């Protein structure tokens, strides 16, 4: 909705009897602005509601010889901190040959004559005058008083001369020879009228009545991009779920996404009743009864559950209201977490296993995670690296490989682990279980590939 249309709607609400205070609060403006819109609409119609320049169209006294202002930043940059420059007001005065005079710093009384004039106007005219009948009468009264003030009354500060004697227009020859120089501006250009789009073709017969469309249900497959489009509404799944069959249950208020019978997420529906009927008429959707209850996550809490999370800058994700450390190498990445109550597996977008950690939640709590869904196929193990080395974990839970120390925890003390060294990461396995994935910080070659028998300790 354009600015003019918004102002027109505000004017129509006032005309319908809505309080100006309520209209101003709804449109985020002051009451004076609403009154101004109403007045402009009464005077000029719809064109009066358009934005207009506040620049004066003309000055009855032509161009001034000098101007007195204070030291505000809108007038001068002389007292601004840093490198001095030239304000726009200074530039306009310089290009038009106007002398710009400034008041002394910390001397506000120099320009106090303006406030003094306002005080004289109030005491001599406004305080003694009855309320004006309309705006035109008020303007005529003020103009008559100004004519006497400027043209008839002598002023002591001007050696008993009248102010009008000091305002002498420049000769017409000078005005024509030196036109006013103003900064460049951009004038609005009306856009060419675009062709109206063809109306959407509507099927002749609807399988439903013209009343409420109700709830519909349809099946879709997530595209390779991970972004599913439905009648103009975008539903984001991510490339990790590409090829996954999903079920959508939609009404005019909500859109539920279900995977494997469990709720994946719920979004506000942007589809109208007409859109729902069009989907049914096209054969893509089927009517569904109203919800007996809100769809929940996967009901089978004994099985594995998957959730998608974005790892924060220090390697944590949120699970069940708590922060769980995944590892700072995953910072900023979108990962899939697979939980079965015993272990937590970290999967990338291609469902390749990246790390395995102890599960921070019991099996009964995994099914209640926000965004939880039944787990997909088992994770794929990463391809074997060119360099593989065995190491015996020390008593404090660490070991050295290729000049880099890796800490995996005291739970693996005195046990043999296998380190797969890729180009940029090191994956640590305990048997067939991936323990962790860490960035590779060195480029040293592996010298010792087997852990000697004399380094192994049997814990009885």
Protein backbone atom coordinates (compact mmCIF):
# COMPACT_ATOMS: atom_id res chain seq x y z
CA UNK A 1 0.00 0.00 0.00
CA UNK A 2 1.43 3.37 -1.04
CA UNK A 3 1.80 6.38 1.24
CA UNK A 4 -1.10 8.17 -0.45
CA UNK A 5 -3.36 5.14 -0.01
CA UNK A 6 -2.51 4.89 3.69
CA UNK A 7 -3.30 8.54 4.24
CA UNK A 8 -6.52 8.19 2.24
CA UNK A 9 -7.61 5.27 4.43
CA UNK A 10 -6.84 7.34 7.53
CA UNK A 11 -8.96 10.22 6.20
CA UNK A 12 -11.82 7.83 5.43
CA UNK A 13 -11.69 6.42 8.96
CA UNK A 14 -11.91 9.92 10.43
CA UNK A 15 -14.82 10.69 8.11
CA UNK A 16 -16.54 7.51 9.30
CA UNK A 17 -16.43 8.74 12.89
CA UNK A 18 -13.33 7.01 14.27
CA UNK A 19 -11.52 9.10 16.87
CA UNK A 20 -8.48 10.94 15.56
CA UNK A 21 -6.41 9.61 18.48
CA UNK A 22 -7.15 6.01 17.49
CA UNK A 23 -6.38 6.67 13.82
CA UNK A 24 -3.09 8.38 14.68
CA UNK A 25 -2.04 5.47 16.91
CA UNK A 26 -2.94 2.92 14.23
CA UNK A 27 -0.86 4.64 11.54
CA UNK A 28 2.00 5.64 13.84
CA UNK A 29 1.70 9.42 13.40
CA UNK A 30 0.66 12.37 15.52
CA UNK A 31 -2.87 13.75 15.75
CA UNK A 32 -1.66 16.93 14.02
CA UNK A 33 -0.60 14.86 11.00
CA UNK A 34 -4.04 13.26 10.75
CA UNK A 35 -5.74 16.67 10.96
CA UNK A 36 -3.35 17.92 8.25
CA UNK A 37 -4.28 15.00 5.96
CA UNK A 38 -7.98 15.69 6.44
CA UNK A 39 -7.52 19.38 5.66
CA UNK A 40 -5.40 18.71 2.56
CA UNK A 41 -7.91 16.15 1.29
CA UNK A 42 -10.78 18.62 1.70
CA UNK A 43 -8.82 21.29 -0.18
CA UNK A 44 -7.07 19.35 -2.96
CA UNK A 45 -8.57 15.88 -2.99
CA UNK A 46 -6.39 12.81 -3.42
CA UNK A 47 -3.47 14.78 -4.91
CA UNK A 48 -3.21 16.81 -1.71
CA UNK A 49 -2.18 13.68 0.21
CA UNK A 50 1.00 13.20 -1.82
CA UNK A 51 4.37 14.23 -0.41
CA UNK A 52 5.38 17.75 -1.35
CA UNK A 53 8.57 19.73 -0.97
CA UNK A 54 8.88 22.05 2.03
CA UNK A 55 11.12 24.38 0.02
CA UNK A 56 9.50 27.83 -0.41
CA UNK A 57 8.38 28.45 -3.97
CA UNK A 58 9.43 32.11 -3.86
CA UNK A 59 10.51 34.89 -1.50
CA UNK A 60 8.84 38.34 -1.73
CA UNK A 61 12.14 40.05 -0.88
CA UNK A 62 14.26 38.11 -3.41
CA UNK A 63 17.73 36.95 -2.33
CA UNK A 64 19.04 38.34 0.97
CA UNK A 65 22.45 40.01 1.26
CA UNK A 66 23.28 38.38 4.60
CA UNK A 67 21.83 35.77 6.96
CA UNK A 68 22.33 35.46 10.72
CA UNK A 69 22.15 31.99 12.29
CA UNK A 70 23.42 30.21 15.36
CA UNK A 71 26.21 27.61 15.29
CA UNK A 72 24.06 24.55 14.70
CA UNK A 73 25.44 21.71 12.59
CA UNK A 74 22.70 22.26 10.02
CA UNK A 75 24.07 25.76 9.38
CA UNK A 76 27.85 25.39 9.67
CA UNK A 77 30.53 22.75 10.16
CA UNK A 78 33.04 25.21 11.59
CA UNK A 79 32.74 23.90 15.14
CA UNK A 80 32.21 20.22 14.32
CA UNK A 81 34.78 17.76 15.68
CA UNK A 82 37.28 16.21 13.31
CA UNK A 83 38.26 17.54 9.92
CA UNK A 84 36.37 20.78 9.14
CA UNK A 85 34.12 20.80 6.12
CA UNK A 86 31.34 22.83 4.56
CA UNK A 87 27.70 22.41 5.45
CA UNK A 88 25.04 22.51 2.76
CA UNK A 89 23.67 25.81 4.11
CA UNK A 90 27.16 27.38 3.93
CA UNK A 91 27.56 26.17 0.38
CA UNK A 92 24.22 27.63 -0.77
CA UNK A 93 25.09 31.00 0.78
CA UNK A 94 28.54 30.99 -0.82
CA UNK A 95 27.28 30.10 -4.30
CA UNK A 96 24.61 32.82 -4.17
CA UNK A 97 26.84 35.56 -2.74
CA UNK A 98 25.04 35.68 0.63
CA UNK A 99 27.06 36.69 3.69
CA UNK A 100 26.56 34.08 6.40
CA UNK A 101 27.03 35.55 9.87
CA UNK A 102 27.21 33.38 12.97
CA UNK A 103 26.42 34.23 16.55
CA UNK A 104 29.19 34.14 19.11
CA UNK A 105 29.55 30.75 20.81
CA UNK A 106 27.54 30.46 24.03
CA UNK A 107 25.63 33.66 23.21
CA UNK A 108 22.03 32.58 22.56
CA UNK A 109 20.67 36.08 23.15
CA UNK A 110 22.00 37.22 19.76
CA UNK A 111 19.18 35.43 17.96
CA UNK A 112 16.74 36.13 20.78
CA UNK A 113 15.14 38.88 18.69
CA UNK A 114 13.09 36.18 16.95
CA UNK A 115 11.63 34.99 20.24
CA UNK A 116 11.17 38.64 21.21
CA UNK A 117 9.12 39.21 18.07
CA UNK A 118 6.92 36.20 18.92
CA UNK A 119 6.35 37.68 22.37
CA UNK A 120 5.36 41.05 20.86
CA UNK A 121 2.93 39.31 18.49
CA UNK A 122 1.27 37.46 21.35
CA UNK A 123 0.99 40.45 23.69
CA UNK A 124 -0.18 43.05 21.16
CA UNK A 125 -2.46 40.92 19.02
CA UNK A 126 -3.22 37.36 20.06
CA UNK A 127 -3.78 37.90 23.79
CA UNK A 128 -6.32 40.66 23.16
CA UNK A 129 -8.13 39.12 20.20
CA UNK A 130 -11.15 36.85 20.35
CA UNK A 131 -10.93 33.38 18.82
CA UNK A 132 -10.82 33.54 15.02
CA UNK A 133 -13.74 32.21 13.05
CA UNK A 134 -11.56 30.41 10.50
CA UNK A 135 -8.02 30.22 9.17
CA UNK A 136 -8.56 32.86 6.48
CA UNK A 137 -9.72 35.41 9.07
CA UNK A 138 -6.72 34.68 11.29
CA UNK A 139 -4.30 35.09 8.36
CA UNK A 140 -5.86 38.40 7.32
CA UNK A 141 -5.65 39.75 10.88
CA UNK A 142 -1.98 38.76 11.24
CA UNK A 143 -1.15 40.28 7.82
CA UNK A 144 -2.75 43.59 8.84
CA UNK A 145 -0.78 43.65 12.08
CA UNK A 146 2.47 42.85 10.21
CA UNK A 147 1.81 45.68 7.75
CA UNK A 148 1.60 48.11 10.66
CA UNK A 149 4.61 46.56 12.45
CA UNK A 150 6.92 46.57 9.42
CA UNK A 151 5.69 49.57 7.44
CA UNK A 152 4.24 52.10 9.87
CA UNK A 153 5.84 51.72 13.30
CA UNK A 154 9.34 53.22 13.80
CA UNK A 155 11.84 51.05 15.67
CA UNK A 156 14.39 52.43 18.10
CA UNK A 157 16.95 49.78 17.16
CA UNK A 158 16.82 51.03 13.54
CA UNK A 159 17.32 54.73 14.45
CA UNK A 160 13.53 55.25 14.37
CA UNK A 161 13.26 53.81 10.84
CA UNK A 162 10.65 51.28 9.82
CA UNK A 163 11.79 47.68 9.11
CA UNK A 164 10.35 47.80 5.61
CA UNK A 165 12.89 50.47 4.70
CA UNK A 166 15.72 48.01 5.26
CA UNK A 167 14.27 45.42 2.87
CA UNK A 168 15.04 46.75 -0.58
CA UNK A 169 14.66 44.31 -3.48
CA UNK A 170 17.60 43.89 -5.79
CA UNK A 171 17.24 45.38 -9.25
CA UNK A 172 15.63 43.09 -11.79
CA UNK A 173 18.78 43.20 -13.92
CA UNK A 174 20.84 41.66 -11.09
CA UNK A 175 18.24 38.99 -10.49
CA UNK A 176 18.24 37.96 -14.14
CA UNK A 177 22.05 38.05 -14.38
CA UNK A 178 22.57 36.00 -11.20
CA UNK A 179 19.90 33.34 -10.87
CA UNK A 180 19.51 31.42 -7.65
CA UNK A 181 21.87 28.44 -7.39
CA UNK A 182 20.34 25.48 -5.56
CA UNK A 183 21.69 21.96 -4.94
CA UNK A 184 20.63 19.21 -7.28
CA UNK A 185 17.60 17.18 -6.35
CA UNK A 186 15.77 14.15 -7.64
CA UNK A 187 12.23 14.69 -8.84
CA UNK A 188 9.90 11.70 -8.71
CA UNK A 189 9.11 10.18 -12.09
CA UNK A 190 5.88 8.33 -12.53
CA UNK A 191 6.47 4.73 -13.52
CA UNK A 192 4.91 3.56 -16.79
CA UNK A 193 1.68 1.73 -16.36
CA UNK A 194 2.37 -1.99 -16.39
CA UNK A 195 0.08 -4.45 -18.02
CA UNK A 196 -2.29 -6.07 -15.57
CA UNK A 197 -1.63 -9.79 -15.07
CA UNK A 198 -4.15 -12.15 -16.51
CA UNK A 199 -6.67 -13.39 -13.97
CA UNK A 200 -5.98 -16.80 -12.54
CA UNK A 201 -7.92 -19.55 -14.22
CA UNK A 202 -10.34 -21.17 -11.82
CA UNK A 203 -11.77 -24.64 -12.34
CA UNK A 204 -15.43 -24.62 -13.29
CA UNK A 205 -16.57 -27.05 -10.66
CA UNK A 206 -15.34 -27.37 -7.10
CA UNK A 207 -15.52 -30.63 -5.23
CA UNK A 208 -16.28 -28.63 -2.08
CA UNK A 209 -18.87 -26.07 -1.18
CA UNK A 210 -18.22 -22.35 -1.23
CA UNK A 211 -17.99 -22.32 2.56
CA UNK A 212 -14.94 -22.99 4.67
CA UNK A 213 -12.42 -25.23 2.91
CA UNK A 214 -11.48 -26.98 6.12
CA UNK A 215 -8.29 -29.01 6.48
CA UNK A 216 -6.59 -30.64 3.52
CA UNK A 217 -3.74 -33.13 3.33
CA UNK A 218 -1.21 -33.73 0.57
CA UNK A 219 2.08 -35.54 0.04
CA UNK A 220 5.21 -33.98 -1.37
CA UNK A 221 8.87 -34.90 -1.87
CA UNK A 222 11.48 -32.37 -0.74
CA UNK A 223 13.37 -31.08 -3.83
CA UNK A 224 17.16 -31.07 -4.12
CA UNK A 225 17.33 -27.42 -3.04
CA UNK A 226 15.54 -28.19 0.22
CA UNK A 227 13.01 -25.41 -0.44
CA UNK A 228 9.49 -26.65 -1.16
CA UNK A 229 7.05 -24.21 -2.81
CA UNK A 230 3.30 -24.60 -2.45
CA UNK A 231 0.95 -22.02 -4.02
CA UNK A 232 3.45 -19.22 -3.36
CA UNK A 233 4.39 -20.25 0.19
CA UNK A 234 7.98 -21.35 0.74
CA UNK A 235 8.65 -24.22 3.15
CA UNK A 236 12.32 -24.67 4.05
CA UNK A 237 13.69 -28.12 4.83
CA UNK A 238 17.34 -27.83 3.83
CA UNK A 239 19.36 -29.94 1.39
CA UNK A 240 19.87 -32.57 4.10
CA UNK A 241 16.22 -33.66 3.72
CA UNK A 242 16.25 -33.67 -0.10
CA UNK A 243 14.26 -36.62 -1.41
CA UNK A 244 12.34 -37.11 1.86
CA UNK A 245 8.61 -37.78 1.56
CA UNK A 246 6.61 -35.37 3.72
CA UNK A 247 2.92 -34.93 4.48
CA UNK A 248 1.40 -31.46 4.72
CA UNK A 249 -1.81 -30.80 6.65
CA UNK A 250 -3.04 -27.29 5.95
CA UNK A 251 -5.90 -24.99 6.80
CA UNK A 252 -6.18 -21.22 6.47
CA UNK A 253 -4.39 -20.68 9.79
CA UNK A 254 -1.72 -23.35 10.19
CA UNK A 255 0.52 -25.58 8.09
CA UNK A 256 1.75 -28.77 9.77
CA UNK A 257 4.71 -30.68 8.29
CA UNK A 258 4.81 -34.38 9.17
CA UNK A 259 7.62 -36.83 8.43
CA UNK A 260 7.03 -40.49 9.14
CA UNK A 261 3.81 -39.68 10.99
CA UNK A 262 5.49 -37.32 13.46
CA UNK A 263 5.38 -33.55 13.39
CA UNK A 264 8.47 -31.95 11.92
CA UNK A 265 7.40 -28.32 12.36
CA UNK A 266 4.37 -26.00 12.25
CA UNK A 267 4.21 -22.76 10.26
CA UNK A 268 1.62 -20.02 9.82
CA UNK A 269 -0.43 -20.78 6.72
CA UNK A 270 -0.40 -18.19 3.94
CA UNK A 271 -2.94 -20.08 1.84
CA UNK A 272 -6.51 -18.89 1.51
CA UNK A 273 -9.62 -20.99 1.20
CA UNK A 274 -9.46 -20.48 -2.54
CA UNK A 275 -5.94 -21.95 -2.61
CA UNK A 276 -7.04 -24.99 -0.61
CA UNK A 277 -9.92 -25.63 -3.01
CA UNK A 278 -7.61 -25.26 -6.01
CA UNK A 279 -5.27 -27.91 -4.60
CA UNK A 280 -8.17 -30.32 -4.13
CA UNK A 281 -9.59 -29.56 -7.57
CA UNK A 282 -6.21 -30.29 -9.15
CA UNK A 283 -6.10 -33.72 -7.55
CA UNK A 284 -2.97 -32.99 -5.51
CA UNK A 285 -4.70 -32.87 -2.14
CA UNK A 286 -7.46 -34.68 -0.31
CA UNK A 287 -9.89 -33.39 2.31
CA UNK A 288 -8.92 -34.19 5.87
CA UNK A 289 -11.02 -33.96 8.97
CA UNK A 290 -10.31 -31.43 11.69
CA UNK A 291 -7.51 -32.16 14.11
CA UNK A 292 -8.59 -34.37 16.95
CA UNK A 293 -5.49 -33.18 18.77
CA UNK A 294 -2.38 -31.25 17.97
CA UNK A 295 0.11 -33.40 16.06
CA UNK A 296 3.08 -34.28 18.20
CA UNK A 297 6.57 -35.53 17.55
CA UNK A 298 7.43 -39.13 16.95
CA UNK A 299 5.49 -41.36 19.32
CA UNK A 300 8.03 -44.19 19.28
CA UNK A 301 10.43 -42.91 21.90
CA UNK A 302 12.29 -46.23 21.95
CA UNK A 303 13.60 -45.63 18.45
CA UNK A 304 16.01 -42.99 17.23
CA UNK A 305 14.92 -39.39 16.76
CA UNK A 306 16.51 -36.74 14.56
CA UNK A 307 16.51 -32.96 14.96
CA UNK A 308 18.17 -30.18 12.99
CA UNK A 309 20.14 -27.55 14.85
CA UNK A 310 22.53 -24.71 14.05
CA UNK A 311 25.73 -24.79 16.12
CA UNK A 312 26.54 -21.46 17.74
CA UNK A 313 29.89 -19.68 17.64
CA UNK A 314 31.37 -21.66 20.54
CA UNK A 315 30.12 -25.12 19.49
CA UNK A 316 26.89 -25.47 21.51
CA UNK A 317 23.36 -26.42 20.44
CA UNK A 318 20.09 -26.32 22.35
CA UNK A 319 18.44 -29.63 23.24
CA UNK A 320 15.57 -29.98 25.66
CA UNK A 321 16.16 -26.56 27.19
CA UNK A 322 19.87 -27.22 27.88
CA UNK A 323 23.05 -26.36 26.02
CA UNK A 324 24.99 -29.33 24.67
CA UNK A 325 28.60 -29.06 23.50
CA UNK A 326 28.99 -30.47 19.98
CA UNK A 327 32.42 -29.00 19.29
CA UNK A 328 33.74 -25.69 18.06
CA UNK A 329 34.79 -27.19 14.66
CA UNK A 330 31.05 -27.26 13.84
CA UNK A 331 30.51 -23.58 14.75
CA UNK A 332 28.05 -21.89 12.40
CA UNK A 333 27.09 -25.13 10.62
CA UNK A 334 23.64 -26.66 10.26
CA UNK A 335 23.83 -30.27 11.47
CA UNK A 336 21.46 -33.16 12.05
CA UNK A 337 21.54 -34.75 15.51
CA UNK A 338 20.48 -38.39 15.82
CA UNK A 339 19.61 -39.51 19.37
CA UNK A 340 18.52 -42.91 20.67
CA UNK A 341 18.99 -42.39 24.41
CA UNK A 342 22.51 -43.89 24.44
CA UNK A 343 24.56 -41.92 21.92
CA UNK A 344 24.25 -38.66 20.02
CA UNK A 345 25.46 -38.75 16.42
CA UNK A 346 26.32 -35.60 14.48
CA UNK A 347 25.51 -35.82 10.76
CA UNK A 348 26.24 -33.36 7.97
CA UNK A 349 23.94 -32.48 5.07
CA UNK A 350 24.88 -35.68 3.19
CA UNK A 351 24.11 -37.76 6.31
CA UNK A 352 27.79 -38.58 6.76
CA UNK A 353 28.71 -39.27 10.38
CA UNK A 354 30.87 -36.48 11.80
CA UNK A 355 31.03 -37.25 15.53
CA UNK A 356 29.57 -39.50 18.21
CA UNK A 357 28.92 -38.28 21.75
CA UNK A 358 27.12 -39.64 24.83
CA UNK A 359 23.42 -38.81 24.68
CA UNK A 360 22.57 -35.92 27.02
CA UNK A 361 18.91 -37.02 27.17
CA UNK A 362 17.21 -40.29 28.09
CA UNK A 363 15.20 -42.14 25.47
CA UNK A 364 11.91 -40.95 26.97
CA UNK A 365 12.89 -37.29 26.48
CA UNK A 366 14.21 -37.62 22.94
CA UNK A 367 10.71 -37.91 21.47
CA UNK A 368 9.65 -34.60 23.04
CA UNK A 369 12.35 -32.47 21.41
CA UNK A 370 11.20 -29.48 19.43
CA UNK A 371 11.33 -30.31 15.73
CA UNK A 372 11.89 -34.00 16.47
CA UNK A 373 11.10 -36.56 13.78
CA UNK A 374 11.60 -40.29 13.34
CA UNK A 375 15.17 -41.00 12.35
CA UNK A 376 15.97 -41.68 8.74
CA UNK A 377 18.31 -44.34 7.38
CA UNK A 378 21.50 -45.05 9.35
CA UNK A 379 24.33 -42.58 8.99
CA UNK A 380 27.04 -43.21 6.43
CA UNK A 381 30.59 -43.66 7.63
CA UNK A 382 33.09 -41.20 6.17
CA UNK A 383 35.39 -42.58 3.48
CA UNK A 384 38.71 -43.92 4.75
CA UNK A 385 41.56 -41.44 4.74
CA UNK A 386 44.92 -41.95 3.06
CA UNK A 387 46.77 -41.85 6.39
CA UNK A 388 45.56 -44.04 9.25
CA UNK A 389 47.33 -44.35 12.58
CA UNK A 390 46.65 -46.25 15.80
CA UNK A 391 47.26 -44.61 19.13
CA UNK A 392 46.91 -45.59 22.78
CA UNK A 393 45.01 -42.99 24.79
CA UNK A 394 46.91 -41.67 27.80
CA UNK A 395 45.64 -41.71 31.37
CA UNK A 396 44.33 -38.15 30.99
CA UNK A 397 42.36 -38.96 27.82
CA UNK A 398 44.61 -37.64 25.05
CA UNK A 399 47.13 -38.72 22.43
CA UNK A 400 49.52 -37.27 19.83
CA UNK A 401 49.33 -37.84 16.09
CA UNK A 402 51.19 -36.00 13.32
CA UNK A 403 52.48 -33.44 15.80
CA UNK A 404 48.97 -32.55 17.02
CA UNK A 405 47.50 -33.35 20.43
CA UNK A 406 43.90 -34.56 20.52
CA UNK A 407 41.86 -34.82 23.73
CA UNK A 408 38.94 -37.28 23.71
CA UNK A 409 38.29 -37.76 27.44
CA UNK A 410 39.31 -40.00 30.34
CA UNK A 411 36.63 -42.52 29.43
CA UNK A 412 38.94 -43.83 26.67
CA UNK A 413 42.10 -43.92 28.83
CA UNK A 414 44.53 -46.80 27.99
CA UNK A 415 42.39 -47.86 25.00
CA UNK A 416 43.46 -48.03 21.36
CA UNK A 417 41.85 -45.61 18.93
CA UNK A 418 42.34 -45.12 15.20
CA UNK A 419 42.99 -41.67 13.72
CA UNK A 420 42.06 -41.07 10.07
CA UNK A 421 43.97 -38.03 8.80
CA UNK A 422 42.27 -36.25 5.89
CA UNK A 423 43.39 -33.04 4.22
CA UNK A 424 41.68 -30.70 6.69
CA UNK A 425 40.22 -32.86 9.50
CA UNK A 426 41.18 -35.77 11.74
CA UNK A 427 38.50 -38.37 12.55
CA UNK A 428 39.03 -40.53 15.62
CA UNK A 429 37.41 -44.00 15.74
CA UNK A 430 37.10 -46.46 18.60
CA UNK A 431 36.50 -49.67 16.76
CA UNK A 432 33.69 -48.85 14.30
CA UNK A 433 32.40 -45.94 16.39
CA UNK A 434 33.35 -42.40 15.37
CA UNK A 435 34.32 -40.55 18.54
CA UNK A 436 35.06 -37.05 17.29
CA UNK A 437 36.17 -34.95 14.36
CA UNK A 438 38.74 -32.18 14.87
CA UNK A 439 40.40 -29.76 12.43
CA UNK A 440 43.86 -30.72 11.28
CA UNK A 441 46.27 -28.03 12.43
CA UNK A 442 49.58 -29.44 11.13
CA UNK A 443 50.88 -30.86 7.87
CA UNK A 444 53.34 -33.33 9.37
CA UNK A 445 53.42 -36.87 8.06
CA UNK A 446 52.57 -39.80 10.30
CA UNK A 447 55.76 -41.61 11.35
CA UNK A 448 54.41 -44.29 13.70
CA UNK A 449 51.25 -45.98 12.40
CA UNK A 450 50.85 -48.84 14.90
CA UNK A 451 50.53 -48.61 18.64
CA UNK A 452 53.12 -50.90 20.27
CA UNK A 453 52.07 -53.70 22.54
CA UNK A 454 54.29 -52.34 25.29
CA UNK A 455 52.17 -49.14 25.39
CA UNK A 456 48.92 -51.00 25.97
CA UNK A 457 47.66 -51.43 29.48
CA UNK A 458 44.95 -53.83 30.49
CA UNK A 459 42.54 -52.43 33.06
CA UNK A 460 41.32 -55.19 35.36
